[in-house]
Amino acid sequence: MTITETRTPSIEALIAIHGARRVLFAAVLAMLRGSGRRQLLVVPVHDAHLRRDIGLPPVHAPPPPPGARPW
């Protein structure tokens, strides 16, 4: 069985290999880019009984759509 070890190069080694400007530019881009994963907002839909049990106000039905000619 062979144990392999992965080491992350130090910042000094990266600067020595690639140069300070390129390392700084890559670091700034990595910070601005973020992780790339976006979390979706999931709104749970509960029935009236469950909402009342957990202390939430009842959900009112949306108002009816306006008629074709309200005047």
Protein backbone atom coordinates (compact mmCIF):
# COMPACT_ATOMS: atom_id res chain seq x y z
CA MET A 1 0.00 0.00 0.00
CA THR A 2 1.39 3.35 -1.02
CA ILE A 3 0.55 6.53 0.83
CA THR A 4 0.48 9.54 -1.43
CA GLU A 5 0.67 12.98 0.02
CA THR A 6 -0.77 16.02 -1.67
CA ARG A 7 0.66 19.30 -0.62
CA THR A 8 -0.67 22.72 -1.44
CA PRO A 9 2.16 24.95 -2.64
CA SER A 10 2.88 27.96 -0.48
CA ILE A 11 2.13 31.46 -1.69
CA GLU A 12 5.85 32.17 -1.93
CA ALA A 13 6.33 29.20 -4.24
CA LEU A 14 3.41 30.29 -6.43
CA ILE A 15 4.81 33.81 -6.68
CA ALA A 16 8.24 32.45 -7.53
CA ILE A 17 6.83 30.26 -10.30
CA HIS A 18 4.14 32.52 -11.81
CA GLY A 19 4.97 36.04 -10.65
CA ALA A 20 3.26 38.31 -8.17
CA ARG A 21 0.98 40.01 -10.67
CA ARG A 22 -0.48 36.78 -12.05
CA VAL A 23 -0.97 35.31 -8.56
CA LEU A 24 -2.71 38.47 -7.36
CA PHE A 25 -4.91 38.58 -10.47
CA ALA A 26 -5.87 34.90 -10.05
CA ALA A 27 -6.67 35.43 -6.36
CA VAL A 28 -8.89 38.44 -7.08
CA LEU A 29 -10.73 36.55 -9.83
CA ALA A 30 -11.25 33.57 -7.53
CA MET A 31 -12.74 35.82 -4.85
CA LEU A 32 -15.06 37.57 -7.30
CA ARG A 33 -16.16 34.37 -8.99
CA GLY A 34 -17.37 32.70 -5.79
CA SER A 35 -18.20 29.06 -5.45
CA GLY A 36 -20.47 28.91 -8.50
CA ARG A 37 -23.27 27.14 -6.67
CA ARG A 38 -26.42 29.06 -6.01
CA GLN A 39 -28.89 27.95 -3.41
CA LEU A 40 -32.49 27.89 -4.45
CA LEU A 41 -35.03 29.43 -2.16
CA VAL A 42 -37.61 26.77 -1.48
CA VAL A 43 -40.76 28.04 0.16
CA PRO A 44 -42.65 25.19 1.80
CA VAL A 45 -46.37 25.08 1.23
CA HIS A 46 -48.31 24.08 4.33
CA ASP A 47 -52.01 23.54 4.67
CA ALA A 48 -54.07 25.72 7.02
CA HIS A 49 -54.10 23.17 9.87
CA LEU A 50 -50.32 22.80 9.95
CA ARG A 51 -49.80 26.57 9.69
CA ARG A 52 -52.12 27.09 12.66
CA ASP A 53 -50.33 24.37 14.66
CA ILE A 54 -46.91 25.96 14.24
CA GLY A 55 -48.19 29.48 14.87
CA LEU A 56 -48.22 30.93 11.38
CA PRO A 57 -51.04 33.17 10.17
CA PRO A 58 -53.51 31.67 7.72
CA VAL A 59 -52.86 32.15 4.04
CA HIS A 60 -55.52 34.27 2.44
CA ALA A 61 -56.69 33.42 -1.02
CA PRO A 62 -55.40 35.83 -3.64
CA PRO A 63 -57.90 38.45 -4.71
CA PRO A 64 -59.99 37.52 -7.72
CA PRO A 65 -58.71 38.82 -11.03
CA PRO A 66 -60.37 42.00 -12.21
CA GLY A 67 -63.18 41.67 -14.68
CA ALA A 68 -62.75 42.41 -18.33
CA ARG A 69 -64.39 45.83 -17.95
CA PRO A 70 -64.38 47.17 -14.40
CA TRP A 71 -66.38 50.37 -15.27
